[in-house]
Amino acid sequence: MTRIASYGPRALFWVLCLMVAAASLRFLVAPLAVVMDHMSHYVPTAPVALYAHIVGATLALAFCPFQLWQGLRRSRPRLHRAMGYAYVTAVLVAGTGALALLPFFQGSAFAATGFALLGILWIAFTLRGVALARGGDHTAHRRFMARSMALTFGAVTLRLMMAPLMAQGWSVVETYQITAWGCWLPNLIAVEVWLRANSKKAGI
């Protein structure tokens, strides 16, 4: 019964990651000014960084559930590694693009700082995870990649937080006062608590 109950959160994680990733590609079928008006001001100033961030973050989010799938890691280790490198590449592209967009950010300095720290930690945790894997410390590798994916999942929590705020009349830019920090900091804290609670289990 406990095993069955654990499938609920996992299934929800898969659905949210893939659903948000798919929705993020809507700019492919409609003008950016229509589907992502709050980001259209980046087009004339930093178009490469903008699309690098959108595409990279979308791919990173889509890879997340597959990389956390232990069955795939055990049965198809080569595929797991290949998808892992694709995930890392996507994070580096998206994170670099996000940092390059900051000079043109329209929110407050407080919000910009939150997004800047998110981008820096996202890249740093991911690269540290790669270095640990290459060094043979696979347990520490999985811990850092869990942190990386907690930040990747910020794309989901940002939208979950933004929706009720916008329903109350907030603009997208106004929601950044909360989401710039709230979309990732609770995720990271939750993962740290989980890692500490499960530190004695094998493979964690």
Protein backbone atom coordinates (compact mmCIF):
# COMPACT_ATOMS: atom_id res chain seq x y z
CA MET A 1 0.00 0.00 0.00
CA THR A 2 2.88 2.37 0.84
CA ARG A 3 4.49 1.59 -2.50
CA ILE A 4 1.26 2.37 -4.35
CA ALA A 5 0.87 5.64 -2.44
CA SER A 6 4.38 6.71 -3.46
CA TYR A 7 3.41 6.58 -7.14
CA GLY A 8 1.08 9.57 -6.71
CA PRO A 9 3.79 12.21 -6.08
CA ARG A 10 6.02 10.63 -8.72
CA ALA A 11 3.26 10.67 -11.31
CA LEU A 12 2.46 14.28 -10.44
CA PHE A 13 6.13 15.21 -10.83
CA TRP A 14 6.23 13.59 -14.28
CA VAL A 15 3.01 15.27 -15.39
CA LEU A 16 4.03 18.74 -14.17
CA CYS A 17 7.51 18.56 -15.71
CA LEU A 18 6.33 17.36 -19.11
CA MET A 19 3.23 19.56 -19.18
CA VAL A 20 5.15 22.77 -18.40
CA ALA A 21 7.93 21.78 -20.82
CA ALA A 22 5.39 21.25 -23.61
CA ALA A 23 3.60 24.51 -22.81
CA SER A 24 6.91 26.39 -22.95
CA LEU A 25 7.24 25.50 -26.63
CA ARG A 26 4.11 27.46 -27.54
CA PHE A 27 6.29 30.17 -29.05
CA LEU A 28 6.87 27.74 -31.94
CA VAL A 29 3.24 28.00 -33.05
CA ALA A 30 2.42 31.63 -32.23
CA PRO A 31 4.30 34.95 -32.03
CA LEU A 32 6.24 35.48 -28.82
CA ALA A 33 4.46 38.79 -28.28
CA VAL A 34 1.18 36.85 -28.09
CA VAL A 35 2.15 33.79 -26.01
CA MET A 36 4.94 35.31 -23.86
CA ASP A 37 4.33 39.03 -23.96
CA HIS A 38 6.26 39.57 -20.72
CA MET A 39 9.41 38.31 -22.47
CA SER A 40 8.97 39.93 -25.86
CA HIS A 41 11.02 43.01 -24.85
CA TYR A 42 14.11 40.79 -24.92
CA VAL A 43 13.72 40.10 -28.65
CA PRO A 44 15.30 43.36 -29.92
CA THR A 45 17.95 43.49 -27.16
CA ALA A 46 19.05 39.90 -26.47
CA PRO A 47 17.32 37.44 -28.82
CA VAL A 48 20.02 34.74 -28.66
CA ALA A 49 20.06 34.72 -24.87
CA LEU A 50 16.26 34.68 -24.78
CA TYR A 51 15.80 31.67 -27.02
CA ALA A 52 18.77 29.90 -25.43
CA HIS A 53 17.05 30.24 -22.08
CA ILE A 54 13.61 29.18 -23.29
CA VAL A 55 14.77 26.15 -25.29
CA GLY A 56 17.45 25.07 -22.83
CA ALA A 57 15.18 25.33 -19.79
CA THR A 58 12.41 23.46 -21.62
CA LEU A 59 14.72 20.57 -22.48
CA ALA A 60 16.24 20.46 -18.99
CA LEU A 61 12.78 20.25 -17.44
CA ALA A 62 11.72 17.51 -19.86
CA PHE A 63 14.82 15.45 -19.01
CA CYS A 64 14.32 15.77 -15.23
CA PRO A 65 11.90 12.87 -14.59
CA PHE A 66 13.88 10.54 -16.84
CA GLN A 67 17.12 11.29 -14.98
CA LEU A 68 15.45 10.63 -11.63
CA TRP A 69 14.01 7.34 -12.88
CA GLN A 70 16.05 4.75 -10.99
CA GLY A 71 14.82 1.90 -13.18
CA LEU A 72 16.29 3.57 -16.26
CA ARG A 73 19.57 4.26 -14.48
CA ARG A 74 19.91 0.63 -13.46
CA SER A 75 18.71 -1.07 -16.63
CA ARG A 76 20.05 1.36 -19.25
CA PRO A 77 23.11 3.09 -17.72
CA ARG A 78 24.42 4.26 -21.09
CA LEU A 79 21.12 5.90 -21.95
CA HIS A 80 21.05 7.47 -18.49
CA ARG A 81 24.52 8.96 -19.06
CA ALA A 82 23.62 10.18 -22.54
CA MET A 83 20.48 11.88 -21.27
CA GLY A 84 22.48 13.21 -18.36
CA TYR A 85 24.92 14.98 -20.66
CA ALA A 86 21.98 16.34 -22.66
CA TYR A 87 20.47 17.62 -19.40
CA VAL A 88 23.75 19.26 -18.39
CA THR A 89 24.10 20.93 -21.79
CA ALA A 90 20.53 22.22 -21.59
CA VAL A 91 21.13 23.65 -18.10
CA LEU A 92 24.34 25.39 -19.15
CA VAL A 93 22.66 26.91 -22.21
CA ALA A 94 19.56 27.97 -20.27
CA GLY A 95 21.46 29.24 -17.23
CA THR A 96 23.91 31.26 -19.29
CA GLY A 97 21.05 32.68 -21.32
CA ALA A 98 19.17 33.65 -18.17
CA LEU A 99 22.18 35.47 -16.73
CA ALA A 100 22.71 37.27 -20.04
CA LEU A 101 19.11 38.54 -19.90
CA LEU A 102 19.51 40.17 -16.48
CA PRO A 103 20.83 43.54 -17.76
CA PHE A 104 17.51 43.94 -19.60
CA PHE A 105 15.32 42.65 -16.74
CA GLN A 106 12.30 44.86 -16.03
CA GLY A 107 11.68 43.84 -12.42
CA SER A 108 13.17 45.20 -9.21
CA ALA A 109 16.75 44.75 -8.03
CA PHE A 110 15.42 42.40 -5.35
CA ALA A 111 13.80 40.17 -7.97
CA ALA A 112 16.84 40.37 -10.26
CA THR A 113 19.06 39.21 -7.40
CA GLY A 114 16.81 36.21 -6.80
CA PHE A 115 16.91 35.14 -10.45
CA ALA A 116 20.67 35.81 -10.64
CA LEU A 117 21.37 33.57 -7.66
CA LEU A 118 19.11 30.91 -9.16
CA GLY A 119 21.07 30.96 -12.42
CA ILE A 120 24.46 30.84 -10.69
CA LEU A 121 23.52 27.99 -8.35
CA TRP A 122 21.82 26.08 -11.18
CA ILE A 123 25.01 26.09 -13.24
CA ALA A 124 27.30 25.51 -10.24
CA PHE A 125 25.38 22.52 -8.83
CA THR A 126 25.13 20.93 -12.27
CA LEU A 127 28.84 21.30 -13.05
CA ARG A 128 29.74 20.01 -9.58
CA GLY A 129 27.57 16.97 -10.21
CA VAL A 130 29.37 16.27 -13.47
CA ALA A 131 32.79 16.63 -11.83
CA LEU A 132 31.82 14.21 -9.05
CA ALA A 133 30.54 11.64 -11.56
CA ARG A 134 33.78 11.83 -13.51
CA GLY A 135 35.70 11.45 -10.27
CA GLY A 136 33.78 8.27 -9.45
CA ASP A 137 31.83 9.60 -6.46
CA HIS A 138 28.39 8.63 -7.71
CA THR A 139 26.64 9.11 -4.38
CA ALA A 140 27.75 12.74 -4.13
CA HIS A 141 27.00 13.12 -7.85
CA ARG A 142 23.37 12.14 -7.28
CA ARG A 143 23.08 14.53 -4.35
CA PHE A 144 24.26 17.51 -6.41
CA MET A 145 22.12 16.55 -9.37
CA ALA A 146 19.12 16.39 -7.02
CA ARG A 147 19.91 19.98 -6.06
CA SER A 148 20.26 20.93 -9.71
CA MET A 149 16.90 19.39 -10.58
CA ALA A 150 15.24 21.10 -7.63
CA LEU A 151 16.25 24.37 -9.29
CA THR A 152 15.13 23.14 -12.70
CA PHE A 153 11.73 22.37 -11.16
CA GLY A 154 11.57 26.07 -10.31
CA ALA A 155 10.04 26.49 -13.77
CA VAL A 156 7.02 24.60 -12.45
CA THR A 157 6.79 26.22 -9.02
CA LEU A 158 7.15 29.66 -10.60
CA ARG A 159 4.01 29.06 -12.63
CA LEU A 160 2.13 27.52 -9.72
CA MET A 161 2.89 30.62 -7.63
CA MET A 162 2.34 33.09 -10.44
CA ALA A 163 -1.14 31.89 -11.42
CA PRO A 164 -3.01 32.83 -8.21
CA LEU A 165 -1.15 36.16 -7.98
CA MET A 166 -2.13 37.08 -11.53
CA ALA A 167 -5.70 35.98 -10.78
CA GLN A 168 -5.72 38.72 -8.14
CA GLY A 169 -4.68 41.31 -10.71
CA TRP A 170 -0.89 41.28 -10.38
CA SER A 171 1.14 41.77 -13.55
CA VAL A 172 3.84 39.23 -14.45
CA VAL A 173 6.56 41.71 -13.47
CA GLU A 174 4.88 42.36 -10.11
CA THR A 175 4.77 38.62 -9.35
CA TYR A 176 8.57 38.52 -9.65
CA GLN A 177 8.76 40.15 -6.21
CA ILE A 178 7.66 36.78 -4.83
CA THR A 179 8.46 34.23 -7.53
CA ALA A 180 12.08 35.31 -8.14
CA TRP A 181 12.95 33.76 -4.77
CA GLY A 182 9.90 31.65 -4.03
CA CYS A 183 10.10 29.51 -7.16
CA TRP A 184 13.39 27.89 -6.18
CA LEU A 185 14.40 28.52 -2.57
CA PRO A 186 11.67 26.28 -1.03
CA ASN A 187 12.53 23.57 -3.58
CA LEU A 188 16.18 23.65 -2.57
CA ILE A 189 15.37 23.63 1.14
CA ALA A 190 13.01 20.66 0.66
CA VAL A 191 15.67 18.69 -1.20
CA GLU A 192 18.27 19.46 1.46
CA VAL A 193 15.90 18.22 4.17
CA TRP A 194 15.19 15.08 2.15
CA LEU A 195 18.90 14.43 1.52
CA ARG A 196 19.70 14.75 5.21
CA ALA A 197 16.82 12.49 6.21
CA ASN A 198 17.90 9.84 3.69
CA SER A 199 21.68 10.23 3.98
CA LYS A 200 22.08 6.76 5.52
CA LYS A 201 20.31 4.98 2.69
CA ALA A 202 22.43 3.38 0.01
CA GLY A 203 22.91 5.36 -3.15
CA ILE A 204 21.77 8.71 -1.71
